[in-house]
């Protein structure tokens, strides 16, 4: 458990970020509104697709919107809280990471609070709104278990995406120009989870859905919530496995971070 002085230092970092970003209120409000665009685009893309088809990978519009809602909220929230870790290659290259390491605070929380993108909070709120509307309109037969899953699954997906952000960022400890590789996994994962995995096939689905675990962000939790059997033939309990997958992903991210920190030998290494 963090000591009171450490928590105060983190609060000070967060407070400084909030004051600096909100200093120019008009600009901040414009940024808040503008940042909704990416999530809106994800939803509009699905609506456009259903303008020319009645089903997508065997799923109706209402069922697909549950998948989109889970994915949009999870990615937007993880991007708000953890996403700025993708700046790590620049910090390593410029030597700023050295300054982070000499401070008497844990390196990862410092990096997350140094440039917390508060303007992205609107994207997370919009994603939550999409998820709530999708759950309400999907005709779900609610049970206590499904109600609990509707709360736990989105949070598990946030943890999963956050773990992906951290794990891919640690590649920069070994390869400075790893930004595009990391983005292909994080943002590619967002796009992958916005649709039923049944629209993909072959090795691509096997790699992203199950090799990397992205099927447990939105697809399998949506099946459990909707009470649908998996068209791919997996048992029903898989839909409830998202929290366990998130725990595994966070453990992998923590290990990758610790190993990366030990490998780091300062700028120029």
Protein backbone atom coordinates (compact mmCIF):
# COMPACT_ATOMS: atom_id res chain seq x y z
CA UNK A 1 0.00 0.00 0.00
CA UNK A 2 1.31 3.42 -0.97
CA UNK A 3 2.38 5.75 1.83
CA UNK A 4 0.39 8.99 2.41
CA UNK A 5 3.30 11.09 1.16
CA UNK A 6 3.48 9.08 -2.05
CA UNK A 7 -0.25 9.43 -2.65
CA UNK A 8 0.04 13.17 -2.05
CA UNK A 9 2.79 13.38 -4.67
CA UNK A 10 0.63 11.55 -7.20
CA UNK A 11 -2.31 13.83 -6.40
CA UNK A 12 -0.07 16.83 -6.94
CA UNK A 13 0.99 15.53 -10.34
CA UNK A 14 -2.63 14.92 -11.32
CA UNK A 15 -3.71 18.31 -10.02
CA UNK A 16 -0.97 20.08 -11.95
CA UNK A 17 -2.03 18.31 -15.15
CA UNK A 18 -5.68 19.21 -14.61
CA UNK A 19 -4.90 22.88 -13.97
CA UNK A 20 -2.58 23.20 -16.95
CA UNK A 21 -4.98 21.52 -19.38
CA UNK A 22 -8.01 23.48 -18.17
CA UNK A 23 -6.20 26.85 -18.07
CA UNK A 24 -7.52 27.77 -21.51
CA UNK A 25 -11.13 26.79 -21.10
CA UNK A 26 -12.35 27.35 -24.64
CA UNK A 27 -9.53 25.30 -26.09
CA UNK A 28 -10.14 22.57 -23.51
CA UNK A 29 -13.86 22.41 -24.34
CA UNK A 30 -13.09 22.23 -28.06
CA UNK A 31 -10.68 19.37 -27.38
CA UNK A 32 -13.33 17.59 -25.30
CA UNK A 33 -15.87 17.80 -28.11
CA UNK A 34 -13.37 16.95 -30.82
CA UNK A 35 -12.17 13.83 -29.07
CA UNK A 36 -15.60 12.22 -29.27
CA UNK A 37 -15.08 11.88 -33.02
CA UNK A 38 -13.07 8.65 -32.99
CA UNK A 39 -15.68 6.76 -30.96
CA UNK A 40 -18.55 8.24 -32.97
CA UNK A 41 -16.82 7.03 -36.13
CA UNK A 42 -16.68 3.45 -34.79
CA UNK A 43 -20.43 3.48 -34.18
CA UNK A 44 -21.28 5.19 -37.48
CA UNK A 45 -19.19 2.64 -39.39
CA UNK A 46 -21.28 -0.18 -37.97
CA UNK A 47 -24.52 1.66 -38.77
CA UNK A 48 -23.36 2.19 -42.36
CA UNK A 49 -22.56 -1.51 -42.71
CA UNK A 50 -26.05 -2.41 -41.53
CA UNK A 51 -27.44 -0.05 -44.13
CA UNK A 52 -26.52 -2.64 -46.74
CA UNK A 53 -26.92 -5.89 -44.78
CA UNK A 54 -29.28 -7.31 -42.16
CA UNK A 55 -26.64 -9.34 -40.35
CA UNK A 56 -22.90 -9.05 -39.76
CA UNK A 57 -21.16 -12.34 -39.11
CA UNK A 58 -24.49 -13.78 -37.99
CA UNK A 59 -25.30 -10.90 -35.60
CA UNK A 60 -28.11 -8.35 -35.83
CA UNK A 61 -27.59 -4.61 -35.44
CA UNK A 62 -28.70 -4.59 -31.80
CA UNK A 63 -26.42 -7.51 -30.95
CA UNK A 64 -23.48 -5.93 -32.77
CA UNK A 65 -24.00 -2.64 -30.92
CA UNK A 66 -23.45 -4.48 -27.62
CA UNK A 67 -20.08 -5.60 -29.00
CA UNK A 68 -19.31 -2.07 -30.22
CA UNK A 69 -20.34 -0.56 -26.90
CA UNK A 70 -18.10 -2.86 -24.87
CA UNK A 71 -15.16 -2.21 -27.18
CA UNK A 72 -15.65 1.56 -27.42
CA UNK A 73 -15.99 2.13 -23.69
CA UNK A 74 -13.08 -0.15 -22.81
CA UNK A 75 -10.64 1.28 -25.31
CA UNK A 76 -11.58 4.91 -24.70
CA UNK A 77 -11.24 4.51 -20.93
CA UNK A 78 -7.95 2.64 -21.17
CA UNK A 79 -6.65 5.24 -23.62
CA UNK A 80 -7.60 7.98 -21.14
CA UNK A 81 -5.94 6.30 -18.15
CA UNK A 82 -3.03 4.38 -19.69
CA UNK A 83 -2.77 5.41 -23.34
CA UNK A 84 -0.13 8.10 -22.89
CA UNK A 85 2.36 5.33 -22.04
CA UNK A 86 2.77 5.18 -25.82
CA UNK A 87 4.98 8.26 -25.39
CA UNK A 88 7.59 6.06 -23.73
CA UNK A 89 9.78 5.73 -26.88
CA UNK A 90 10.17 9.51 -26.96
CA UNK A 91 10.95 9.64 -23.25
CA UNK A 92 13.63 6.97 -23.68
CA UNK A 93 15.11 8.65 -26.73
CA UNK A 94 15.26 12.14 -25.20
CA UNK A 95 16.45 11.08 -21.75
CA UNK A 96 13.32 12.18 -19.92
CA UNK A 97 12.86 8.64 -18.66
CA UNK A 98 16.16 8.96 -16.78
CA UNK A 99 14.68 11.87 -14.82
CA UNK A 100 11.61 9.77 -14.04
CA UNK A 101 13.73 6.95 -12.63
CA UNK A 102 15.72 9.13 -10.23
CA UNK A 103 12.58 10.43 -8.52
CA UNK A 104 11.45 8.64 -5.35
CA UNK A 105 8.22 7.48 -7.00
CA UNK A 106 7.30 4.46 -9.08
CA UNK A 107 8.10 5.03 -12.75
CA UNK A 108 4.85 3.80 -14.32
CA UNK A 109 2.42 5.98 -12.29
CA UNK A 110 4.64 8.97 -12.94
CA UNK A 111 4.52 8.41 -16.69
CA UNK A 112 0.76 8.00 -16.64
CA UNK A 113 0.22 11.19 -14.63
CA UNK A 114 2.84 13.34 -16.38
CA UNK A 115 0.63 13.95 -19.38
CA UNK A 116 -2.79 12.53 -18.54
CA UNK A 117 -5.00 13.44 -21.54
CA UNK A 118 -8.06 14.72 -19.69
CA UNK A 119 -9.53 15.89 -23.01
CA UNK A 120 -10.22 12.21 -23.76
CA UNK A 121 -12.70 11.90 -20.91
CA UNK A 122 -15.50 12.85 -23.33
CA UNK A 123 -14.64 9.84 -25.49
CA UNK A 124 -14.92 7.51 -22.49
CA UNK A 125 -18.27 9.05 -21.48
CA UNK A 126 -19.62 8.67 -25.00
CA UNK A 127 -18.42 5.06 -25.10
CA UNK A 128 -20.24 4.40 -21.82
CA UNK A 129 -23.40 5.98 -23.25
CA UNK A 130 -23.21 3.74 -26.33
CA UNK A 131 -22.78 0.68 -24.11
CA UNK A 132 -25.73 1.57 -21.86
CA UNK A 133 -28.04 2.26 -24.82
CA UNK A 134 -26.95 -0.97 -26.50
CA UNK A 135 -27.59 -3.04 -23.36
CA UNK A 136 -31.00 -1.46 -22.82
CA UNK A 137 -32.13 -1.92 -26.43
CA UNK A 138 -30.75 -5.44 -27.00
CA UNK A 139 -33.65 -7.24 -25.32
CA UNK A 140 -31.40 -9.00 -22.81
CA UNK A 141 -33.11 -11.39 -20.36
CA UNK A 142 -31.55 -10.00 -17.21
CA UNK A 143 -30.43 -12.24 -14.37
CA UNK A 144 -28.25 -11.38 -11.37
CA UNK A 145 -25.30 -13.03 -13.12
CA UNK A 146 -25.76 -11.06 -16.33
CA UNK A 147 -26.24 -7.83 -14.39
CA UNK A 148 -22.93 -8.47 -12.62
CA UNK A 149 -21.25 -9.32 -15.94
CA UNK A 150 -22.55 -6.09 -17.47
CA UNK A 151 -20.53 -4.24 -14.82
CA UNK A 152 -17.48 -6.48 -14.54
CA UNK A 153 -16.89 -7.23 -18.24
CA UNK A 154 -16.37 -3.57 -19.31
CA UNK A 155 -13.99 -3.02 -16.39
CA UNK A 156 -12.09 -6.20 -17.26
CA UNK A 157 -11.85 -4.97 -20.85
CA UNK A 158 -10.38 -1.68 -19.62
CA UNK A 159 -7.75 -3.62 -17.68
CA UNK A 160 -7.05 -5.78 -20.74
CA UNK A 161 -6.55 -2.81 -23.08
CA UNK A 162 -4.46 -1.02 -20.44
CA UNK A 163 -2.27 -4.11 -20.17
CA UNK A 164 -1.85 -4.15 -23.95
CA UNK A 165 -0.78 -0.48 -23.87
CA UNK A 166 1.86 -1.19 -21.22
CA UNK A 167 3.12 -4.44 -22.75
CA UNK A 168 3.58 -2.96 -26.23
CA UNK A 169 5.21 0.18 -24.82
CA UNK A 170 7.92 -1.87 -23.11
CA UNK A 171 9.26 -2.86 -26.54
CA UNK A 172 10.82 0.62 -26.64
CA UNK A 173 13.31 -0.49 -23.96
CA UNK A 174 14.82 -2.72 -26.64
CA UNK A 175 13.80 -0.99 -29.86
CA UNK A 176 13.33 2.81 -29.86
CA UNK A 177 11.39 2.96 -33.12
CA UNK A 178 8.69 0.57 -31.94
CA UNK A 179 5.81 3.04 -31.99
CA UNK A 180 4.18 1.80 -35.18
CA UNK A 181 4.38 -1.79 -34.00
CA UNK A 182 2.71 -0.87 -30.71
CA UNK A 183 -0.03 1.11 -32.50
CA UNK A 184 -0.76 -1.80 -34.83
CA UNK A 185 -1.56 -3.92 -31.78
CA UNK A 186 -3.41 -1.38 -29.62
CA UNK A 187 -5.43 0.44 -32.28
CA UNK A 188 -5.66 -2.67 -34.41
CA UNK A 189 -7.06 -4.44 -31.36
CA UNK A 190 -9.67 -1.70 -30.95
CA UNK A 191 -10.82 -2.16 -34.53
CA UNK A 192 -10.79 -5.95 -34.19
CA UNK A 193 -13.00 -5.91 -31.09
CA UNK A 194 -15.57 -3.57 -32.66
CA UNK A 195 -17.01 -6.42 -34.75
CA UNK A 196 -18.05 -10.03 -34.13
CA UNK A 197 -14.99 -12.25 -34.51
CA UNK A 198 -17.04 -14.40 -36.89
CA UNK A 199 -16.37 -11.84 -39.64
CA UNK A 200 -12.69 -12.78 -39.51
CA UNK A 201 -11.18 -16.10 -40.44
CA UNK A 202 -8.15 -18.33 -40.54
CA UNK A 203 -4.90 -17.50 -38.80
CA UNK A 204 -5.86 -13.83 -38.38
CA UNK A 205 -8.83 -14.67 -36.14
CA UNK A 206 -6.85 -17.31 -34.27
CA UNK A 207 -4.01 -14.87 -33.58
CA UNK A 208 -5.96 -11.80 -32.50
CA UNK A 209 -9.03 -13.42 -30.96
CA UNK A 210 -7.42 -16.19 -28.94
CA UNK A 211 -3.64 -15.95 -29.27
CA UNK A 212 -3.72 -12.36 -28.00
CA UNK A 213 -7.06 -12.60 -26.18
CA UNK A 214 -9.03 -9.85 -27.93
CA UNK A 215 -12.12 -12.07 -28.24
CA UNK A 216 -12.62 -11.64 -24.48
CA UNK A 217 -12.91 -7.85 -24.69
CA UNK A 218 -16.35 -7.70 -26.28
CA UNK A 219 -17.30 -10.78 -28.33
CA UNK A 220 -17.54 -13.46 -25.65
CA UNK A 221 -18.96 -11.16 -22.94
CA UNK A 222 -21.60 -10.03 -25.46
CA UNK A 223 -22.54 -13.65 -26.17
CA UNK A 224 -22.99 -14.29 -22.44
CA UNK A 225 -25.06 -11.14 -21.98
CA UNK A 226 -27.24 -11.90 -25.00
CA UNK A 227 -27.65 -15.56 -24.05
CA UNK A 228 -26.39 -16.68 -27.46
CA UNK A 229 -24.46 -19.82 -28.27
CA UNK A 230 -21.07 -19.21 -29.81
CA UNK A 231 -21.26 -19.74 -33.61
CA UNK A 232 -17.63 -20.93 -33.40
CA UNK A 233 -18.63 -23.74 -31.05
CA UNK A 234 -16.93 -22.72 -27.81
CA UNK A 235 -18.80 -23.57 -24.56
CA UNK A 236 -21.03 -21.01 -22.85
CA UNK A 237 -18.72 -20.55 -19.83
CA UNK A 238 -16.12 -18.88 -22.08
CA UNK A 239 -18.34 -15.80 -22.11
CA UNK A 240 -17.70 -15.39 -18.39
CA UNK A 241 -13.92 -15.72 -18.63
CA UNK A 242 -13.15 -12.06 -19.43
CA UNK A 243 -12.10 -11.11 -15.84
CA UNK A 244 -9.65 -14.04 -15.71
CA UNK A 245 -8.18 -13.11 -19.08
CA UNK A 246 -7.76 -9.52 -17.85
CA UNK A 247 -5.89 -10.75 -14.77
CA UNK A 248 -3.54 -12.80 -16.95
CA UNK A 249 -3.00 -9.84 -19.30
CA UNK A 250 -2.19 -7.52 -16.39
CA UNK A 251 0.26 -10.06 -14.97
CA UNK A 252 2.02 -10.29 -18.35
CA UNK A 253 2.14 -6.48 -18.55
CA UNK A 254 3.60 -6.20 -15.03
CA UNK A 255 6.26 -8.79 -15.84
CA UNK A 256 7.13 -7.13 -19.15
CA UNK A 257 7.45 -3.76 -17.40
CA UNK A 258 9.71 -5.08 -14.63
CA UNK A 259 11.95 -6.91 -17.11
CA UNK A 260 12.09 -3.83 -19.34
CA UNK A 261 13.07 -1.57 -16.45
CA UNK A 262 15.87 -3.95 -15.48
CA UNK A 263 17.06 -4.06 -19.08
CA UNK A 264 17.12 -0.26 -19.42
CA UNK A 265 20.60 1.26 -19.14
CA UNK A 266 19.85 4.96 -19.62
CA UNK A 267 19.73 7.03 -22.79
CA UNK A 268 22.00 5.75 -25.53
CA UNK A 269 22.03 2.18 -24.27
